[in-house]
């Protein structure tokens, strides 16, 4: 879009009146991105909006101490360690045979 003096004056007027970039774009008959780009090139910014809500941040709840009887003597957790079988070793000839079979099966 070619920006002439009339369009730029209208852009400044509508922007200062508080209209959004999309509203201005519809009025000028161009894209919102064209309006945003021109606003950036002209250095026009809108101030940051103040937060609309003021959240009340509460502290985390206090945990009640547990009774000492519940954890008087810790219990050791038994973990079973099953012995894994040793991996099977293949000869070079066996590996080539497995590979050839796999190639035949993928066709």
PDB file of N, CA and C in Angstrom:
ATOM      1  N   UNK A   1       0.854  -1.179   0.000  1.00  0.00           N
ATOM      2  CA  UNK A   1       0.000   0.000   0.000  1.00  0.00           C
ATOM      3  C   UNK A   1       0.893   1.234   0.000  1.00  0.00           C
ATOM      4  N   UNK A   2       0.528   2.194  -0.805  1.00  0.00           N
ATOM      5  CA  UNK A   2       1.256   3.458  -0.806  1.00  0.00           C
ATOM      6  C   UNK A   2       0.663   4.394   0.234  1.00  0.00           C
ATOM      7  N   UNK A   3       1.489   4.891   1.103  1.00  0.00           N
ATOM      8  CA  UNK A   3       1.024   5.776   2.163  1.00  0.00           C
ATOM      9  C   UNK A   3       1.205   7.224   1.730  1.00  0.00           C
ATOM     10  N   UNK A   4       0.096   7.946   1.629  1.00  0.00           N
ATOM     11  CA  UNK A   4       0.210   9.375   1.339  1.00  0.00           C
ATOM     12  C   UNK A   4      -0.015  10.160   2.633  1.00  0.00           C
ATOM     13  N   UNK A   5       0.115  11.456   2.567  1.00  0.00           N
ATOM     14  CA  UNK A   5       0.029  12.299   3.765  1.00  0.00           C
ATOM     15  C   UNK A   5      -1.345  12.201   4.421  1.00  0.00           C
ATOM     16  N   UNK A   6      -2.381  12.056   3.591  1.00  0.00           N
ATOM     17  CA  UNK A   6      -3.747  11.980   4.113  1.00  0.00           C
ATOM     18  C   UNK A   6      -3.932  10.699   4.939  1.00  0.00           C
ATOM     19  N   UNK A   7      -3.415   9.568   4.406  1.00  0.00           N
ATOM     20  CA  UNK A   7      -3.531   8.291   5.122  1.00  0.00           C
ATOM     21  C   UNK A   7      -2.757   8.319   6.429  1.00  0.00           C
ATOM     22  N   UNK A   8      -1.567   8.911   6.403  1.00  0.00           N
ATOM     23  CA  UNK A   8      -0.741   8.960   7.606  1.00  0.00           C
ATOM     24  C   UNK A   8      -1.389   9.847   8.668  1.00  0.00           C
ATOM     25  N   UNK A   9      -1.996  10.963   8.248  1.00  0.00           N
ATOM     26  CA  UNK A   9      -2.681  11.843   9.206  1.00  0.00           C
ATOM     27  C   UNK A   9      -3.865  11.121   9.835  1.00  0.00           C
ATOM     28  N   UNK A  10      -4.628  10.381   9.004  1.00  0.00           N
ATOM     29  CA  UNK A  10      -5.764   9.634   9.532  1.00  0.00           C
ATOM     30  C   UNK A  10      -5.291   8.523  10.468  1.00  0.00           C
ATOM     31  N   UNK A  11      -4.187   7.871  10.104  1.00  0.00           N
ATOM     32  CA  UNK A  11      -3.617   6.825  10.950  1.00  0.00           C
ATOM     33  C   UNK A  11      -3.249   7.384  12.318  1.00  0.00           C
ATOM     34  N   UNK A  12      -2.550   8.512  12.349  1.00  0.00           N
ATOM     35  CA  UNK A  12      -2.160   9.127  13.622  1.00  0.00           C
ATOM     36  C   UNK A  12      -3.390   9.507  14.448  1.00  0.00           C
ATOM     37  N   UNK A  13      -4.403  10.057  13.774  1.00  0.00           N
ATOM     38  CA  UNK A  13      -5.607  10.506  14.477  1.00  0.00           C
ATOM     39  C   UNK A  13      -6.343   9.316  15.097  1.00  0.00           C
ATOM     40  N   UNK A  14      -6.526   8.243  14.316  1.00  0.00           N
ATOM     41  CA  UNK A  14      -7.257   7.082  14.815  1.00  0.00           C
ATOM     42  C   UNK A  14      -6.467   6.355  15.903  1.00  0.00           C
ATOM     43  N   UNK A  15      -5.138   6.310  15.748  1.00  0.00           N
ATOM     44  CA  UNK A  15      -4.305   5.638  16.748  1.00  0.00           C
ATOM     45  C   UNK A  15      -4.350   6.392  18.072  1.00  0.00           C
ATOM     46  N   UNK A  16      -4.285   7.718  17.996  1.00  0.00           N
ATOM     47  CA  UNK A  16      -4.331   8.504  19.230  1.00  0.00           C
ATOM     48  C   UNK A  16      -5.717   8.465  19.861  1.00  0.00           C
ATOM     49  N   UNK A  17      -6.747   8.186  19.053  1.00  0.00           N
ATOM     50  CA  UNK A  17      -8.105   8.069  19.592  1.00  0.00           C
ATOM     51  C   UNK A  17      -8.312   6.732  20.288  1.00  0.00           C
ATOM     52  N   UNK A  18      -7.360   5.809  20.139  1.00  0.00           N
ATOM     53  CA  UNK A  18      -7.448   4.539  20.851  1.00  0.00           C
ATOM     54  C   UNK A  18      -7.965   3.377  20.029  1.00  0.00           C
ATOM     55  N   UNK A  19      -8.086   3.557  18.712  1.00  0.00           N
ATOM     56  CA  UNK A  19      -8.566   2.452  17.895  1.00  0.00           C
ATOM     57  C   UNK A  19      -7.458   1.426  17.698  1.00  0.00           C
ATOM     58  N   UNK A  20      -7.859   0.181  17.477  1.00  0.00           N
ATOM     59  CA  UNK A  20      -6.879  -0.884  17.292  1.00  0.00           C
ATOM     60  C   UNK A  20      -6.343  -0.851  15.863  1.00  0.00           C
ATOM     61  N   UNK A  21      -5.268  -1.585  15.648  1.00  0.00           N
ATOM     62  CA  UNK A  21      -4.663  -1.641  14.326  1.00  0.00           C
ATOM     63  C   UNK A  21      -5.623  -2.289  13.329  1.00  0.00           C
ATOM     64  N   UNK A  22      -6.383  -3.269  13.761  1.00  0.00           N
ATOM     65  CA  UNK A  22      -7.343  -3.931  12.866  1.00  0.00           C
ATOM     66  C   UNK A  22      -8.455  -2.961  12.456  1.00  0.00           C
ATOM     67  N   UNK A  23      -8.932  -2.160  13.395  1.00  0.00           N
ATOM     68  CA  UNK A  23      -9.984  -1.185  13.075  1.00  0.00           C
ATOM     69  C   UNK A  23      -9.466  -0.141  12.095  1.00  0.00           C
ATOM     70  N   UNK A  24      -8.240   0.302  12.317  1.00  0.00           N
ATOM     71  CA  UNK A  24      -7.656   1.307  11.422  1.00  0.00           C
ATOM     72  C   UNK A  24      -7.457   0.708  10.033  1.00  0.00           C
ATOM     73  N   UNK A  25      -7.019  -0.537   9.979  1.00  0.00           N
ATOM     74  CA  UNK A  25      -6.788  -1.195   8.697  1.00  0.00           C
ATOM     75  C   UNK A  25      -8.084  -1.297   7.899  1.00  0.00           C
ATOM     76  N   UNK A  26      -9.178  -1.655   8.567  1.00  0.00           N
ATOM     77  CA  UNK A  26     -10.465  -1.728   7.863  1.00  0.00           C
ATOM     78  C   UNK A  26     -10.873  -0.358   7.319  1.00  0.00           C
ATOM     79  N   UNK A  27     -10.625   0.658   8.100  1.00  0.00           N
ATOM     80  CA  UNK A  27     -10.997   2.016   7.689  1.00  0.00           C
ATOM     81  C   UNK A  27     -10.161   2.493   6.504  1.00  0.00           C
ATOM     82  N   UNK A  28      -8.852   2.133   6.496  1.00  0.00           N
ATOM     83  CA  UNK A  28      -7.973   2.573   5.417  1.00  0.00           C
ATOM     84  C   UNK A  28      -8.005   1.634   4.205  1.00  0.00           C
ATOM     85  N   UNK A  29      -8.551   0.436   4.398  1.00  0.00           N
ATOM     86  CA  UNK A  29      -8.617  -0.516   3.295  1.00  0.00           C
ATOM     87  C   UNK A  29      -7.289  -1.207   3.030  1.00  0.00           C
ATOM     88  N   UNK A  30      -6.554  -1.511   4.089  1.00  0.00           N
ATOM     89  CA  UNK A  30      -5.275  -2.212   3.942  1.00  0.00           C
ATOM     90  C   UNK A  30      -5.215  -3.297   5.005  1.00  0.00           C
ATOM     91  N   UNK A  31      -4.085  -3.995   5.076  1.00  0.00           N
ATOM     92  CA  UNK A  31      -3.960  -5.076   6.047  1.00  0.00           C
ATOM     93  C   UNK A  31      -3.531  -4.533   7.415  1.00  0.00           C
ATOM     94  N   UNK A  32      -3.804  -5.325   8.427  1.00  0.00           N
ATOM     95  CA  UNK A  32      -3.400  -4.951   9.779  1.00  0.00           C
ATOM     96  C   UNK A  32      -1.884  -4.880   9.878  1.00  0.00           C
ATOM     97  N   UNK A  33      -1.195  -5.804   9.181  1.00  0.00           N
ATOM     98  CA  UNK A  33       0.264  -5.792   9.217  1.00  0.00           C
ATOM     99  C   UNK A  33       0.833  -4.513   8.595  1.00  0.00           C
ATOM    100  N   UNK A  34       0.172  -3.993   7.561  1.00  0.00           N
ATOM    101  CA  UNK A  34       0.635  -2.751   6.958  1.00  0.00           C
ATOM    102  C   UNK A  34       0.511  -1.598   7.957  1.00  0.00           C
ATOM    103  N   UNK A  35      -0.577  -1.600   8.712  1.00  0.00           N
ATOM    104  CA  UNK A  35      -0.781  -0.549   9.719  1.00  0.00           C
ATOM    105  C   UNK A  35       0.254  -0.691  10.831  1.00  0.00           C
ATOM    106  N   UNK A  36       0.480  -1.916  11.301  1.00  0.00           N
ATOM    107  CA  UNK A  36       1.468  -2.137  12.371  1.00  0.00           C
ATOM    108  C   UNK A  36       2.866  -1.742  11.909  1.00  0.00           C
ATOM    109  N   UNK A  37       3.189  -2.064  10.666  1.00  0.00           N
ATOM    110  CA  UNK A  37       4.493  -1.689  10.142  1.00  0.00           C
ATOM    111  C   UNK A  37       4.677  -0.194  10.081  1.00  0.00           C
ATOM    112  N   UNK A  38       3.663   0.521   9.631  1.00  0.00           N
ATOM    113  CA  UNK A  38       3.766   1.977   9.540  1.00  0.00           C
ATOM    114  C   UNK A  38       3.849   2.589  10.940  1.00  0.00           C
ATOM    115  N   UNK A  39       3.093   2.052  11.881  1.00  0.00           N
ATOM    116  CA  UNK A  39       3.157   2.551  13.260  1.00  0.00           C
ATOM    117  C   UNK A  39       4.556   2.353  13.830  1.00  0.00           C
ATOM    118  N   UNK A  40       5.165   1.223  13.523  1.00  0.00           N
ATOM    119  CA  UNK A  40       6.528   0.952  14.000  1.00  0.00           C
ATOM    120  C   UNK A  40       7.516   1.914  13.360  1.00  0.00           C
ATOM    121  N   UNK A  41       7.391   2.118  12.048  1.00  0.00           N
ATOM    122  CA  UNK A  41       8.309   3.027  11.358  1.00  0.00           C
ATOM    123  C   UNK A  41       8.162   4.461  11.851  1.00  0.00           C
ATOM    124  N   UNK A  42       6.941   4.824  12.242  1.00  0.00           N
ATOM    125  CA  UNK A  42       6.723   6.184  12.739  1.00  0.00           C
ATOM    126  C   UNK A  42       7.070   6.312  14.222  1.00  0.00           C
ATOM    127  N   UNK A  43       7.320   5.177  14.881  1.00  0.00           N
ATOM    128  CA  UNK A  43       7.691   5.206  16.293  1.00  0.00           C
ATOM    129  C   UNK A  43       6.523   5.419  17.230  1.00  0.00           C
ATOM    130  N   UNK A  44       5.315   5.160  16.764  1.00  0.00           N
ATOM    131  CA  UNK A  44       4.140   5.337  17.616  1.00  0.00           C
ATOM    132  C   UNK A  44       3.925   4.063  18.426  1.00  0.00           C
ATOM    133  N   UNK A  45       3.811   4.238  19.720  1.00  0.00           N
ATOM    134  CA  UNK A  45       3.566   3.108  20.604  1.00  0.00           C
ATOM    135  C   UNK A  45       2.423   3.463  21.513  1.00  0.00           C
ATOM    136  N   UNK A  46       1.779   2.446  21.963  1.00  0.00           N
ATOM    137  CA  UNK A  46       0.734   2.650  22.937  1.00  0.00           C
ATOM    138  C   UNK A  46       1.279   2.212  24.279  1.00  0.00           C
ATOM    139  N   UNK A  47       0.962   2.931  25.331  1.00  0.00           N
ATOM    140  CA  UNK A  47       1.463   2.571  26.655  1.00  0.00           C
ATOM    141  C   UNK A  47       0.958   1.214  27.088  1.00  0.00           C
ATOM    142  N   UNK A  48       1.666   0.603  27.999  1.00  0.00           N
ATOM    143  CA  UNK A  48       1.259  -0.700  28.502  1.00  0.00           C
ATOM    144  C   UNK A  48       0.002  -0.550  29.337  1.00  0.00           C
ATOM    145  N   UNK A  49      -0.889  -1.523  29.203  1.00  0.00           N
ATOM    146  CA  UNK A  49      -2.117  -1.497  29.991  1.00  0.00           C
ATOM    147  C   UNK A  49      -1.789  -1.888  31.430  1.00  0.00           C
ATOM    148  N   UNK A  50      -2.396  -1.206  32.377  1.00  0.00           N
ATOM    149  CA  UNK A  50      -2.198  -1.630  33.761  1.00  0.00           C
ATOM    150  C   UNK A  50      -2.915  -2.963  33.981  1.00  0.00           C
ATOM    151  N   UNK A  51      -2.429  -3.779  34.897  1.00  0.00           N
ATOM    152  CA  UNK A  51      -3.110  -5.050  35.127  1.00  0.00           C
ATOM    153  C   UNK A  51      -4.521  -4.816  35.637  1.00  0.00           C
ATOM    154  N   UNK A  52      -5.446  -5.628  35.146  1.00  0.00           N
ATOM    155  CA  UNK A  52      -6.847  -5.432  35.523  1.00  0.00           C
ATOM    156  C   UNK A  52      -7.171  -6.100  36.844  1.00  0.00           C
ATOM    157  N   UNK A  53      -6.431  -7.109  37.210  1.00  0.00           N
ATOM    158  CA  UNK A  53      -6.715  -7.805  38.453  1.00  0.00           C
ATOM    159  C   UNK A  53      -5.492  -7.757  39.360  1.00  0.00           C
ATOM    160  N   UNK A  54      -5.730  -7.726  40.607  1.00  0.00           N
ATOM    161  CA  UNK A  54      -4.648  -7.776  41.578  1.00  0.00           C
ATOM    162  C   UNK A  54      -4.795  -9.093  42.348  1.00  0.00           C
ATOM    163  N   UNK A  55      -4.092 -10.118  41.917  1.00  0.00           N
ATOM    164  CA  UNK A  55      -4.274 -11.417  42.560  1.00  0.00           C
ATOM    165  C   UNK A  55      -3.750 -11.414  43.993  1.00  0.00           C
ATOM    166  N   UNK A  56      -4.470 -12.104  44.828  1.00  0.00           N
ATOM    167  CA  UNK A  56      -4.076 -12.236  46.222  1.00  0.00           C
ATOM    168  C   UNK A  56      -3.265 -13.521  46.328  1.00  0.00           C
ATOM    169  N   UNK A  57      -1.964 -13.405  46.480  1.00  0.00           N
ATOM    170  CA  UNK A  57      -1.098 -14.569  46.529  1.00  0.00           C
ATOM    171  C   UNK A  57      -1.013 -15.037  47.974  1.00  0.00           C
ATOM    172  N   UNK A  58      -1.457 -16.273  48.179  1.00  0.00           N
ATOM    173  CA  UNK A  58      -1.462 -16.815  49.528  1.00  0.00           C
ATOM    174  C   UNK A  58      -0.196 -17.629  49.762  1.00  0.00           C
ATOM    175  N   UNK A  59       0.276 -17.665  50.993  1.00  0.00           N
ATOM    176  CA  UNK A  59       1.455 -18.499  51.281  1.00  0.00           C
ATOM    177  C   UNK A  59       1.073 -19.972  51.200  1.00  0.00           C
ATOM    178  N   UNK A  60       2.035 -20.846  50.964  1.00  0.00           N
ATOM    179  CA  UNK A  60       1.720 -22.271  50.893  1.00  0.00           C
ATOM    180  C   UNK A  60       1.237 -22.770  52.240  1.00  0.00           C
ATOM    181  N   UNK A  61       0.392 -23.791  52.247  1.00  0.00           N
ATOM    182  CA  UNK A  61      -0.136 -24.277  53.530  1.00  0.00           C
ATOM    183  C   UNK A  61       0.983 -24.888  54.372  1.00  0.00           C
ATOM    184  N   UNK A  62       0.862 -24.722  55.683  1.00  0.00           N
ATOM    185  CA  UNK A  62       1.851 -25.287  56.593  1.00  0.00           C
ATOM    186  C   UNK A  62       1.516 -26.760  56.806  1.00  0.00           C
ATOM    187  N   UNK A  63       2.535 -27.575  56.742  1.00  0.00           N
ATOM    188  CA  UNK A  63       2.330 -29.006  56.927  1.00  0.00           C
ATOM    189  C   UNK A  63       2.368 -29.331  58.415  1.00  0.00           C
ATOM    190  N   UNK A  64       1.450 -30.184  58.819  1.00  0.00           N
ATOM    191  CA  UNK A  64       1.413 -30.607  60.215  1.00  0.00           C
ATOM    192  C   UNK A  64       2.514 -31.638  60.429  1.00  0.00           C
ATOM    193  N   UNK A  65       3.179 -31.582  61.541  1.00  0.00           N
ATOM    194  CA  UNK A  65       4.207 -32.600  61.786  1.00  0.00           C
ATOM    195  C   UNK A  65       3.553 -33.956  61.980  1.00  0.00           C
ATOM    196  N   UNK A  66       4.171 -34.977  61.416  1.00  0.00           N
ATOM    197  CA  UNK A  66       3.628 -36.321  61.554  1.00  0.00           C
ATOM    198  C   UNK A  66       4.035 -36.881  62.904  1.00  0.00           C
ATOM    199  N   UNK A  67       3.300 -37.862  63.343  1.00  0.00           N
ATOM    200  CA  UNK A  67       3.643 -38.456  64.637  1.00  0.00           C
ATOM    201  C   UNK A  67       4.951 -39.214  64.515  1.00  0.00           C
ATOM    202  N   UNK A  68       5.732 -39.194  65.560  1.00  0.00           N
ATOM    203  CA  UNK A  68       7.045 -39.830  65.521  1.00  0.00           C
ATOM    204  C   UNK A  68       6.948 -41.345  65.506  1.00  0.00           C
ATOM    205  N   UNK A  69       5.801 -41.912  65.929  1.00  0.00           N
ATOM    206  CA  UNK A  69       5.652 -43.366  65.954  1.00  0.00           C
ATOM    207  C   UNK A  69       5.594 -43.934  64.543  1.00  0.00           C
ATOM    208  N   UNK A  70       5.098 -43.147  63.610  1.00  0.00           N
ATOM    209  CA  UNK A  70       4.951 -43.643  62.245  1.00  0.00           C
ATOM    210  C   UNK A  70       6.296 -43.851  61.577  1.00  0.00           C
ATOM    211  N   UNK A  71       7.284 -43.100  61.974  1.00  0.00           N
ATOM    212  CA  UNK A  71       8.587 -43.238  61.332  1.00  0.00           C
ATOM    213  C   UNK A  71       9.686 -43.484  62.366  1.00  0.00           C
ATOM    214  N   UNK A  72       9.356 -44.270  63.380  1.00  0.00           N
ATOM    215  CA  UNK A  72      10.334 -44.528  64.428  1.00  0.00           C
ATOM    216  C   UNK A  72      11.490 -45.368  63.911  1.00  0.00           C
ATOM    217  N   UNK A  73      11.198 -46.386  63.139  1.00  0.00           N
ATOM    218  CA  UNK A  73      12.278 -47.209  62.590  1.00  0.00           C
ATOM    219  C   UNK A  73      12.032 -47.380  61.094  1.00  0.00           C
ATOM    220  N   UNK A  74      12.937 -46.883  60.280  1.00  0.00           N
ATOM    221  CA  UNK A  74      12.728 -47.006  58.844  1.00  0.00           C
ATOM    222  C   UNK A  74      12.840 -48.459  58.394  1.00  0.00           C
ATOM    223  N   UNK A  75      12.031 -48.814  57.427  1.00  0.00           N
ATOM    224  CA  UNK A  75      12.016 -50.161  56.897  1.00  0.00           C
ATOM    225  C   UNK A  75      12.823 -50.167  55.613  1.00  0.00           C
ATOM    226  N   UNK A  76      13.756 -51.090  55.531  1.00  0.00           N
ATOM    227  CA  UNK A  76      14.570 -51.191  54.319  1.00  0.00           C
ATOM    228  C   UNK A  76      13.726 -51.788  53.207  1.00  0.00           C
ATOM    229  N   UNK A  77      13.766 -51.145  52.079  1.00  0.00           N
ATOM    230  CA  UNK A  77      12.989 -51.610  50.943  1.00  0.00           C
ATOM    231  C   UNK A  77      13.823 -52.627  50.182  1.00  0.00           C
ATOM    232  N   UNK A  78      13.251 -53.805  49.982  1.00  0.00           N
ATOM    233  CA  UNK A  78      13.985 -54.864  49.317  1.00  0.00           C
ATOM    234  C   UNK A  78      13.709 -54.772  47.823  1.00  0.00           C
ATOM    235  N   UNK A  79      14.773 -54.677  47.066  1.00  0.00           N
ATOM    236  CA  UNK A  79      14.653 -54.581  45.616  1.00  0.00           C
ATOM    237  C   UNK A  79      15.211 -55.856  45.025  1.00  0.00           C
ATOM    238  N   UNK A  80      14.396 -56.522  44.246  1.00  0.00           N
ATOM    239  CA  UNK A  80      14.878 -57.765  43.635  1.00  0.00           C
ATOM    240  C   UNK A  80      15.696 -57.423  42.403  1.00  0.00           C
ATOM    241  N   UNK A  81      16.796 -58.095  42.280  1.00  0.00           N
ATOM    242  CA  UNK A  81      17.671 -57.901  41.129  1.00  0.00           C
ATOM    243  C   UNK A  81      17.747 -59.219  40.381  1.00  0.00           C
ATOM    244  N   UNK A  82      16.873 -59.349  39.413  1.00  0.00           N
ATOM    245  CA  UNK A  82      16.877 -60.569  38.619  1.00  0.00           C
ATOM    246  C   UNK A  82      18.091 -60.552  37.702  1.00  0.00           C
ATOM    247  N   UNK A  83      18.749 -61.670  37.604  1.00  0.00           N
ATOM    248  CA  UNK A  83      19.940 -61.738  36.778  1.00  0.00           C
ATOM    249  C   UNK A  83      19.521 -61.825  35.326  1.00  0.00           C
ATOM    250  N   UNK A  84      20.071 -60.931  34.520  1.00  0.00           N
ATOM    251  CA  UNK A  84      19.742 -60.914  33.101  1.00  0.00           C
ATOM    252  C   UNK A  84      20.557 -61.972  32.369  1.00  0.00           C
ATOM    253  N   UNK A  85      19.932 -62.563  31.359  1.00  0.00           N
ATOM    254  CA  UNK A  85      20.698 -63.540  30.586  1.00  0.00           C
ATOM    255  C   UNK A  85      21.740 -62.816  29.728  1.00  0.00           C
ATOM    256  N   UNK A  86      22.847 -63.474  29.528  1.00  0.00           N
ATOM    257  CA  UNK A  86      23.910 -62.906  28.702  1.00  0.00           C
ATOM    258  C   UNK A  86      23.431 -62.803  27.257  1.00  0.00           C
ATOM    259  N   UNK A  87      23.794 -61.717  26.556  1.00  0.00           N
ATOM    260  CA  UNK A  87      23.380 -61.607  25.155  1.00  0.00           C
ATOM    261  C   UNK A  87      24.050 -62.688  24.312  1.00  0.00           C
ATOM    262  N   UNK A  88      23.286 -63.183  23.337  1.00  0.00           N
ATOM    263  CA  UNK A  88      23.786 -64.241  22.475  1.00  0.00           C
ATOM    264  C   UNK A  88      24.787 -63.657  21.488  1.00  0.00           C
ATOM    265  N   UNK A  89      25.883 -64.351  21.299  1.00  0.00           N
ATOM    266  CA  UNK A  89      26.921 -63.893  20.368  1.00  0.00           C
ATOM    267  C   UNK A  89      26.709 -64.593  19.036  1.00  0.00           C
ATOM    268  N   UNK A  90      26.779 -63.820  17.945  1.00  0.00           N
ATOM    269  CA  UNK A  90      26.622 -64.363  16.604  1.00  0.00           C
ATOM    270  C   UNK A  90      27.951 -64.272  15.877  1.00  0.00           C
ATOM    271  N   UNK A  91      28.150 -65.221  14.979  1.00  0.00           N
ATOM    272  CA  UNK A  91      29.342 -65.155  14.132  1.00  0.00           C
ATOM    273  C   UNK A  91      29.049 -64.208  12.976  1.00  0.00           C
ATOM    274  N   UNK A  92      30.079 -63.855  12.265  1.00  0.00           N
ATOM    275  CA  UNK A  92      29.928 -62.943  11.139  1.00  0.00           C
ATOM    276  C   UNK A  92      29.017 -63.550  10.077  1.00  0.00           C
ATOM    277  N   UNK A  93      29.164 -64.840   9.833  1.00  0.00           N
ATOM    278  CA  UNK A  93      28.358 -65.524   8.829  1.00  0.00           C
ATOM    279  C   UNK A  93      26.888 -65.532   9.243  1.00  0.00           C
ATOM    280  N   UNK A  94      26.605 -65.745  10.530  1.00  0.00           N
ATOM    281  CA  UNK A  94      25.226 -65.744  11.013  1.00  0.00           C
ATOM    282  C   UNK A  94      24.609 -64.345  10.878  1.00  0.00           C
ATOM    283  N   UNK A  95      25.383 -63.313  11.178  1.00  0.00           N
ATOM    284  CA  UNK A  95      24.866 -61.946  11.049  1.00  0.00           C
ATOM    285  C   UNK A  95      24.523 -61.610   9.605  1.00  0.00           C
ATOM    286  N   UNK A  96      25.374 -62.028   8.660  1.00  0.00           N
ATOM    287  CA  UNK A  96      25.074 -61.808   7.242  1.00  0.00           C
ATOM    288  C   UNK A  96      23.823 -62.555   6.831  1.00  0.00           C
ATOM    289  N   UNK A  97      23.598 -63.756   7.336  1.00  0.00           N
ATOM    290  CA  UNK A  97      22.411 -64.531   7.004  1.00  0.00           C
ATOM    291  C   UNK A  97      21.168 -63.841   7.550  1.00  0.00           C
ATOM    292  N   UNK A  98      21.237 -63.321   8.776  1.00  0.00           N
ATOM    293  CA  UNK A  98      20.095 -62.607   9.377  1.00  0.00           C
ATOM    294  C   UNK A  98      19.783 -61.354   8.560  1.00  0.00           C
ATOM    295  N   UNK A  99      20.822 -60.616   8.178  1.00  0.00           N
ATOM    296  CA  UNK A  99      20.636 -59.406   7.380  1.00  0.00           C
ATOM    297  C   UNK A  99      20.021 -59.719   6.029  1.00  0.00           C
ATOM    298  N   UNK A 100      20.490 -60.796   5.362  1.00  0.00           N
ATOM    299  CA  UNK A 100      19.945 -61.171   4.055  1.00  0.00           C
ATOM    300  C   UNK A 100      18.479 -61.551   4.167  1.00  0.00           C
ATOM    301  N   UNK A 101      18.105 -62.249   5.237  1.00  0.00           N
ATOM    302  CA  UNK A 101      16.718 -62.635   5.444  1.00  0.00           C
ATOM    303  C   UNK A 101      15.838 -61.396   5.679  1.00  0.00           C
ATOM    304  N   UNK A 102      16.365 -60.452   6.439  1.00  0.00           N
ATOM    305  CA  UNK A 102      15.607 -59.229   6.706  1.00  0.00           C
ATOM    306  C   UNK A 102      15.371 -58.439   5.425  1.00  0.00           C
ATOM    307  N   UNK A 103      16.390 -58.396   4.544  1.00  0.00           N
ATOM    308  CA  UNK A 103      16.246 -57.690   3.272  1.00  0.00           C
ATOM    309  C   UNK A 103      15.195 -58.375   2.411  1.00  0.00           C
ATOM    310  N   UNK A 104      15.210 -59.687   2.397  1.00  0.00           N
ATOM    311  CA  UNK A 104      14.205 -60.431   1.600  1.00  0.00           C
ATOM    312  C   UNK A 104      12.797 -60.178   2.123  1.00  0.00           C
ATOM    313  N   UNK A 105      12.627 -60.038   3.429  1.00  0.00           N
ATOM    314  CA  UNK A 105      11.306 -59.867   4.033  1.00  0.00           C
ATOM    315  C   UNK A 105      10.764 -58.448   3.890  1.00  0.00           C
ATOM    316  N   UNK A 106      11.612 -57.489   3.580  1.00  0.00           N
ATOM    317  CA  UNK A 106      11.128 -56.100   3.486  1.00  0.00           C
ATOM    318  C   UNK A 106      10.698 -55.745   2.079  1.00  0.00           C
ATOM    319  N   UNK A 107      10.829 -56.599   1.127  1.00  0.00           N
ATOM    320  CA  UNK A 107      10.522 -56.296  -0.269  1.00  0.00           C
ATOM    321  C   UNK A 107       9.104 -56.401  -0.544  1.00  0.00           C
TER     322      UNK A 107
END
